Amino acid sequence: MIRRELFGGAIVCNIPDGFIDCSQFRQIPDHQEVYHDDSTDVSIIIELLDISEGVTDENLGMHHYRVLASDNSAQFEVRRAETLGSSALPHLPHDSYRQLVCGNQKISKFGESAENTVNVMIMAIRLRPPHNTEILISFNAPATIHANSSSKGRVPIGIDNQFCEQIFTSIIESFKINDYSLFHPNTNQ
């Protein structure tokens, strides 16, 4: 794992060795940080989002998981959904809400007809006022890769849930906000 600075150093977290910052070769929206490993086609995405209107804390993780599945035009199943205490992300304010959702999504890349089964894990975080931001950390690891997919030839590590959860746990446990003015320019926690 390598300690990476995100959003100009306002946030830091561990990212596995070999993952490339996608902003080096394609346009990434300002509210996202995206890392990718070409040998496995695994991606890690950290997003800063506005508060989801009308979504309760208890539905936060499933809301974002469903939105992600809808954005991917994917069928999905959920293996695990749980609210986590402050020890899961020890570097966040204690009143932050944290929800983990893990499951599989059937995803076609780039409009292909071939569908890959992808192990998708998300951590949805809701920061309370004055920060009023949701942070979505997602880990996407192909579990099965269709023979006609553009991902063909990559190692599908997503089949090993335990291994993927270990990687994801290391990412989220190391997640730390250094500069809260990222969310509101005149706030420093």
C-alpha atoms as a PDB file:
ATOM      1  CA  MET A   1       0.000   0.000   0.000  1.00  0.00           C
ATOM      2  CA  ILE A   2       1.111   3.525  -0.791  1.00  0.00           C
ATOM      3  CA  ARG A   3      -0.077   6.594   1.117  1.00  0.00           C
ATOM      4  CA  ARG A   4      -1.692   8.863  -1.518  1.00  0.00           C
ATOM      5  CA  GLU A   5      -2.675  12.488  -1.303  1.00  0.00           C
ATOM      6  CA  LEU A   6      -6.147  13.129  -2.694  1.00  0.00           C
ATOM      7  CA  PHE A   7      -7.773  16.425  -3.627  1.00  0.00           C
ATOM      8  CA  GLY A   8      -4.482  18.322  -3.378  1.00  0.00           C
ATOM      9  CA  GLY A   9      -3.555  16.680  -0.063  1.00  0.00           C
ATOM     10  CA  ALA A  10      -6.794  17.617   1.744  1.00  0.00           C
ATOM     11  CA  ILE A  11      -7.448  13.871   2.119  1.00  0.00           C
ATOM     12  CA  VAL A  12      -4.994  10.977   2.356  1.00  0.00           C
ATOM     13  CA  CYS A  13      -5.466   7.213   2.249  1.00  0.00           C
ATOM     14  CA  ASN A  14      -3.632   4.046   1.311  1.00  0.00           C
ATOM     15  CA  ILE A  15      -3.949   2.793  -2.267  1.00  0.00           C
ATOM     16  CA  PRO A  16      -2.450  -0.572  -3.329  1.00  0.00           C
ATOM     17  CA  ASP A  17       0.907  -0.581  -5.117  1.00  0.00           C
ATOM     18  CA  GLY A  18       0.606  -0.611  -8.890  1.00  0.00           C
ATOM     19  CA  PHE A  19      -2.564   1.474  -9.057  1.00  0.00           C
ATOM     20  CA  ILE A  20      -2.328   4.426 -11.420  1.00  0.00           C
ATOM     21  CA  ASP A  21      -3.919   7.840 -10.900  1.00  0.00           C
ATOM     22  CA  CYS A  22      -6.335   7.960 -13.851  1.00  0.00           C
ATOM     23  CA  SER A  23      -6.092  11.753 -14.071  1.00  0.00           C
ATOM     24  CA  GLN A  24      -2.666  11.168 -15.663  1.00  0.00           C
ATOM     25  CA  PHE A  25      -4.311   9.879 -18.842  1.00  0.00           C
ATOM     26  CA  ARG A  26      -7.956  11.010 -18.892  1.00  0.00           C
ATOM     27  CA  GLN A  27     -10.220  13.790 -17.662  1.00  0.00           C
ATOM     28  CA  ILE A  28     -11.568  13.115 -14.143  1.00  0.00           C
ATOM     29  CA  PRO A  29     -14.250  15.358 -12.598  1.00  0.00           C
ATOM     30  CA  ASP A  30     -13.007  17.663  -9.817  1.00  0.00           C
ATOM     31  CA  HIS A  31     -15.161  15.878  -7.226  1.00  0.00           C
ATOM     32  CA  GLN A  32     -13.516  12.481  -7.916  1.00  0.00           C
ATOM     33  CA  GLU A  33     -10.188  10.720  -7.497  1.00  0.00           C
ATOM     34  CA  VAL A  34      -9.862   7.522  -9.557  1.00  0.00           C
ATOM     35  CA  TYR A  35      -7.178   4.838  -9.366  1.00  0.00           C
ATOM     36  CA  HIS A  36      -6.922   1.760 -11.592  1.00  0.00           C
ATOM     37  CA  ASP A  37      -4.838  -1.402 -11.847  1.00  0.00           C
ATOM     38  CA  ASP A  38      -4.613  -2.530 -15.457  1.00  0.00           C
ATOM     39  CA  SER A  39      -3.564  -6.123 -14.693  1.00  0.00           C
ATOM     40  CA  THR A  40      -6.758  -6.802 -12.707  1.00  0.00           C
ATOM     41  CA  ASP A  41      -9.072  -4.036 -14.029  1.00  0.00           C
ATOM     42  CA  VAL A  42      -9.756  -3.069 -10.401  1.00  0.00           C
ATOM     43  CA  SER A  43     -10.721   0.548  -9.769  1.00  0.00           C
ATOM     44  CA  ILE A  44     -10.907   2.648  -6.624  1.00  0.00           C
ATOM     45  CA  ILE A  45     -12.998   5.810  -6.723  1.00  0.00           C
ATOM     46  CA  ILE A  46     -13.312   8.471  -4.052  1.00  0.00           C
ATOM     47  CA  GLU A  47     -16.137  10.964  -4.633  1.00  0.00           C
ATOM     48  CA  LEU A  48     -17.258  14.080  -2.799  1.00  0.00           C
ATOM     49  CA  LEU A  49     -21.007  14.563  -3.145  1.00  0.00           C
ATOM     50  CA  ASP A  50     -23.718  16.920  -2.000  1.00  0.00           C
ATOM     51  CA  ILE A  51     -26.014  15.592   0.704  1.00  0.00           C
ATOM     52  CA  SER A  52     -28.604  13.272  -0.875  1.00  0.00           C
ATOM     53  CA  GLU A  53     -31.919  15.031  -0.309  1.00  0.00           C
ATOM     54  CA  GLY A  54     -34.573  12.860   1.304  1.00  0.00           C
ATOM     55  CA  VAL A  55     -32.192   9.963   2.021  1.00  0.00           C
ATOM     56  CA  THR A  56     -31.997   8.958   5.680  1.00  0.00           C
ATOM     57  CA  ASP A  57     -28.748   7.871   7.296  1.00  0.00           C
ATOM     58  CA  GLU A  58     -30.041   4.298   7.463  1.00  0.00           C
ATOM     59  CA  ASN A  59     -30.592   4.230   3.671  1.00  0.00           C
ATOM     60  CA  LEU A  60     -27.425   6.087   2.670  1.00  0.00           C
ATOM     61  CA  GLY A  61     -25.276   3.130   1.592  1.00  0.00           C
ATOM     62  CA  MET A  62     -28.053   1.321  -0.271  1.00  0.00           C
ATOM     63  CA  HIS A  63     -29.075   4.572  -1.965  1.00  0.00           C
ATOM     64  CA  HIS A  64     -25.573   5.052  -3.379  1.00  0.00           C
ATOM     65  CA  TYR A  65     -25.242   1.361  -4.265  1.00  0.00           C
ATOM     66  CA  ARG A  66     -28.507   1.521  -6.248  1.00  0.00           C
ATOM     67  CA  VAL A  67     -27.459   4.769  -7.958  1.00  0.00           C
ATOM     68  CA  LEU A  68     -24.167   3.148  -8.959  1.00  0.00           C
ATOM     69  CA  ALA A  69     -25.979   0.070 -10.314  1.00  0.00           C
ATOM     70  CA  SER A  70     -28.387   2.323 -12.227  1.00  0.00           C
ATOM     71  CA  ASP A  71     -25.500   4.379 -13.656  1.00  0.00           C
ATOM     72  CA  ASN A  72     -23.902   1.091 -14.797  1.00  0.00           C
ATOM     73  CA  SER A  73     -27.242  -0.260 -16.127  1.00  0.00           C
ATOM     74  CA  ALA A  74     -26.411  -3.235 -13.935  1.00  0.00           C
ATOM     75  CA  GLN A  75     -28.316  -6.016 -12.258  1.00  0.00           C
ATOM     76  CA  PHE A  76     -27.085  -6.363  -8.704  1.00  0.00           C
ATOM     77  CA  GLU A  77     -27.162  -8.402  -5.532  1.00  0.00           C
ATOM     78  CA  VAL A  78     -26.125  -7.294  -2.054  1.00  0.00           C
ATOM     79  CA  ARG A  79     -24.077  -9.625   0.166  1.00  0.00           C
ATOM     80  CA  ARG A  80     -23.678  -7.305   3.086  1.00  0.00           C
ATOM     81  CA  ALA A  81     -24.971  -3.931   4.255  1.00  0.00           C
ATOM     82  CA  GLU A  82     -24.090  -2.578   7.660  1.00  0.00           C
ATOM     83  CA  THR A  83     -23.639   0.608   9.612  1.00  0.00           C
ATOM     84  CA  LEU A  84     -20.163   0.949  11.081  1.00  0.00           C
ATOM     85  CA  GLY A  85     -18.998   2.705  14.193  1.00  0.00           C
ATOM     86  CA  SER A  86     -16.287   5.333  14.433  1.00  0.00           C
ATOM     87  CA  SER A  87     -13.541   2.696  14.809  1.00  0.00           C
ATOM     88  CA  ALA A  88     -14.051   1.665  11.165  1.00  0.00           C
ATOM     89  CA  LEU A  89     -12.843   5.074   9.979  1.00  0.00           C
ATOM     90  CA  PRO A  90     -11.012   6.371  13.037  1.00  0.00           C
ATOM     91  CA  HIS A  91      -9.802   9.615  11.413  1.00  0.00           C
ATOM     92  CA  LEU A  92     -13.272  11.065  10.774  1.00  0.00           C
ATOM     93  CA  PRO A  93     -15.442  13.140  13.095  1.00  0.00           C
ATOM     94  CA  HIS A  94     -17.221  10.822  15.536  1.00  0.00           C
ATOM     95  CA  ASP A  95     -20.664  12.053  14.506  1.00  0.00           C
ATOM     96  CA  SER A  96     -20.116  11.065  10.866  1.00  0.00           C
ATOM     97  CA  TYR A  97     -22.408   8.359   9.559  1.00  0.00           C
ATOM     98  CA  ARG A  98     -20.662   5.368   7.927  1.00  0.00           C
ATOM     99  CA  GLN A  99     -22.327   2.584   5.991  1.00  0.00           C
ATOM    100  CA  LEU A 100     -20.693  -0.305   4.132  1.00  0.00           C
ATOM    101  CA  VAL A 101     -22.425  -2.133   1.267  1.00  0.00           C
ATOM    102  CA  CYS A 102     -20.860  -5.094  -0.577  1.00  0.00           C
ATOM    103  CA  GLY A 103     -22.266  -7.091  -3.456  1.00  0.00           C
ATOM    104  CA  ASN A 104     -21.969  -8.003  -7.109  1.00  0.00           C
ATOM    105  CA  GLN A 105     -23.062  -6.110 -10.184  1.00  0.00           C
ATOM    106  CA  LYS A 106     -23.352  -7.412 -13.751  1.00  0.00           C
ATOM    107  CA  ILE A 107     -21.673  -4.649 -15.750  1.00  0.00           C
ATOM    108  CA  SER A 108     -20.995  -4.116 -19.448  1.00  0.00           C
ATOM    109  CA  LYS A 109     -18.009  -1.868 -20.128  1.00  0.00           C
ATOM    110  CA  PHE A 110     -18.139   0.824 -22.780  1.00  0.00           C
ATOM    111  CA  GLY A 111     -21.569  -0.281 -24.050  1.00  0.00           C
ATOM    112  CA  GLU A 112     -20.360  -3.802 -24.832  1.00  0.00           C
ATOM    113  CA  SER A 113     -22.883  -6.643 -24.864  1.00  0.00           C
ATOM    114  CA  ALA A 114     -20.517  -8.829 -22.783  1.00  0.00           C
ATOM    115  CA  GLU A 115     -21.259  -8.552 -19.050  1.00  0.00           C
ATOM    116  CA  ASN A 116     -18.678  -8.973 -16.326  1.00  0.00           C
ATOM    117  CA  THR A 117     -19.577  -9.789 -12.729  1.00  0.00           C
ATOM    118  CA  VAL A 118     -17.934  -7.151 -10.572  1.00  0.00           C
ATOM    119  CA  ASN A 119     -17.434  -7.315  -6.817  1.00  0.00           C
ATOM    120  CA  VAL A 120     -18.495  -3.795  -5.744  1.00  0.00           C
ATOM    121  CA  MET A 121     -17.814  -2.499  -2.238  1.00  0.00           C
ATOM    122  CA  ILE A 122     -18.788   0.984  -1.173  1.00  0.00           C
ATOM    123  CA  MET A 123     -18.321   3.002   1.975  1.00  0.00           C
ATOM    124  CA  ALA A 124     -20.811   5.832   2.178  1.00  0.00           C
ATOM    125  CA  ILE A 125     -19.924   8.558   4.662  1.00  0.00           C
ATOM    126  CA  ARG A 126     -22.104  11.498   5.639  1.00  0.00           C
ATOM    127  CA  LEU A 127     -20.314  14.414   7.261  1.00  0.00           C
ATOM    128  CA  ARG A 128     -22.513  16.515   9.530  1.00  0.00           C
ATOM    129  CA  PRO A 129     -22.722  20.324   9.549  1.00  0.00           C
ATOM    130  CA  PRO A 130     -20.838  22.462   8.972  1.00  0.00           C
ATOM    131  CA  HIS A 131     -19.270  20.168   6.341  1.00  0.00           C
ATOM    132  CA  ASN A 132     -22.533  18.819   4.831  1.00  0.00           C
ATOM    133  CA  THR A 133     -20.856  16.424   2.420  1.00  0.00           C
ATOM    134  CA  GLU A 134     -21.178  12.771   1.493  1.00  0.00           C
ATOM    135  CA  ILE A 135     -18.050  10.841   0.639  1.00  0.00           C
ATOM    136  CA  LEU A 136     -18.318   7.690  -1.401  1.00  0.00           C
ATOM    137  CA  ILE A 137     -15.365   5.295  -1.512  1.00  0.00           C
ATOM    138  CA  SER A 138     -15.863   2.457  -3.976  1.00  0.00           C
ATOM    139  CA  PHE A 139     -13.761  -0.594  -4.802  1.00  0.00           C
ATOM    140  CA  ASN A 140     -14.687  -2.391  -8.037  1.00  0.00           C
ATOM    141  CA  ALA A 141     -13.023  -5.743  -8.740  1.00  0.00           C
ATOM    142  CA  PRO A 142     -14.076  -8.034 -11.604  1.00  0.00           C
ATOM    143  CA  ALA A 143     -15.004 -11.492 -10.303  1.00  0.00           C
ATOM    144  CA  THR A 144     -15.760 -13.056 -13.683  1.00  0.00           C
ATOM    145  CA  ILE A 145     -14.774 -11.624 -17.033  1.00  0.00           C
ATOM    146  CA  HIS A 146     -16.765 -12.498 -20.161  1.00  0.00           C
ATOM    147  CA  ALA A 147     -14.703 -13.921 -23.029  1.00  0.00           C
ATOM    148  CA  ASN A 148     -15.854 -11.072 -25.313  1.00  0.00           C
ATOM    149  CA  SER A 149     -15.187  -8.282 -22.811  1.00  0.00           C
ATOM    150  CA  SER A 150     -12.520  -5.650 -23.384  1.00  0.00           C
ATOM    151  CA  SER A 151     -11.278  -6.724 -19.913  1.00  0.00           C
ATOM    152  CA  LYS A 152     -10.445 -10.200 -21.247  1.00  0.00           C
ATOM    153  CA  GLY A 153      -7.010 -11.378 -20.125  1.00  0.00           C
ATOM    154  CA  ARG A 154      -7.078  -9.531 -16.813  1.00  0.00           C
ATOM    155  CA  VAL A 155      -6.883 -11.374 -13.480  1.00  0.00           C
ATOM    156  CA  PRO A 156     -10.363 -11.441 -11.874  1.00  0.00           C
ATOM    157  CA  ILE A 157      -9.420 -10.982  -8.196  1.00  0.00           C
ATOM    158  CA  GLY A 158     -13.007 -10.035  -7.306  1.00  0.00           C
ATOM    159  CA  ILE A 159     -13.877 -13.731  -6.992  1.00  0.00           C
ATOM    160  CA  ASP A 160     -11.995 -13.741  -3.659  1.00  0.00           C
ATOM    161  CA  ASN A 161     -14.320 -11.732  -1.378  1.00  0.00           C
ATOM    162  CA  GLN A 162     -12.048 -12.062   1.651  1.00  0.00           C
ATOM    163  CA  PHE A 163      -8.995 -10.751  -0.239  1.00  0.00           C
ATOM    164  CA  CYS A 164     -10.995  -7.832  -1.666  1.00  0.00           C
ATOM    165  CA  GLU A 165     -12.423  -6.979   1.746  1.00  0.00           C
ATOM    166  CA  GLN A 166      -8.898  -6.931   3.238  1.00  0.00           C
ATOM    167  CA  ILE A 167      -7.766  -4.443   0.595  1.00  0.00           C
ATOM    168  CA  PHE A 168     -10.874  -2.301   1.023  1.00  0.00           C
ATOM    169  CA  THR A 169     -10.557  -2.346   4.825  1.00  0.00           C
ATOM    170  CA  SER A 170      -6.968  -1.113   4.540  1.00  0.00           C
ATOM    171  CA  ILE A 171      -8.124   1.739   2.296  1.00  0.00           C
ATOM    172  CA  ILE A 172     -10.981   2.883   4.515  1.00  0.00           C
ATOM    173  CA  GLU A 173      -9.098   2.508   7.810  1.00  0.00           C
ATOM    174  CA  SER A 174      -6.325   4.751   6.467  1.00  0.00           C
ATOM    175  CA  PHE A 175      -8.768   7.372   5.096  1.00  0.00           C
ATOM    176  CA  LYS A 176      -8.074  10.734   6.747  1.00  0.00           C
ATOM    177  CA  ILE A 177      -9.258  14.276   6.088  1.00  0.00           C
ATOM    178  CA  ASN A 178      -6.423  16.744   6.674  1.00  0.00           C
ATOM    179  CA  ASP A 179      -8.145  19.920   5.524  1.00  0.00           C
ATOM    180  CA  TYR A 180     -11.867  20.385   6.068  1.00  0.00           C
ATOM    181  CA  SER A 181     -11.856  23.603   4.029  1.00  0.00           C
ATOM    182  CA  LEU A 182     -12.136  21.242   1.052  1.00  0.00           C
ATOM    183  CA  PHE A 183     -15.841  21.072   1.903  1.00  0.00           C
ATOM    184  CA  HIS A 184     -16.309  24.707   2.922  1.00  0.00           C
ATOM    185  CA  PRO A 185     -13.565  27.232   2.181  1.00  0.00           C
ATOM    186  CA  ASN A 186     -13.740  28.926   5.606  1.00  0.00           C
ATOM    187  CA  THR A 187     -13.802  25.750   7.713  1.00  0.00           C
ATOM    188  CA  ASN A 188     -10.800  23.895   9.113  1.00  0.00           C
ATOM    189  CA  GLN A 189     -12.719  21.344  11.184  1.00  0.00           C
END
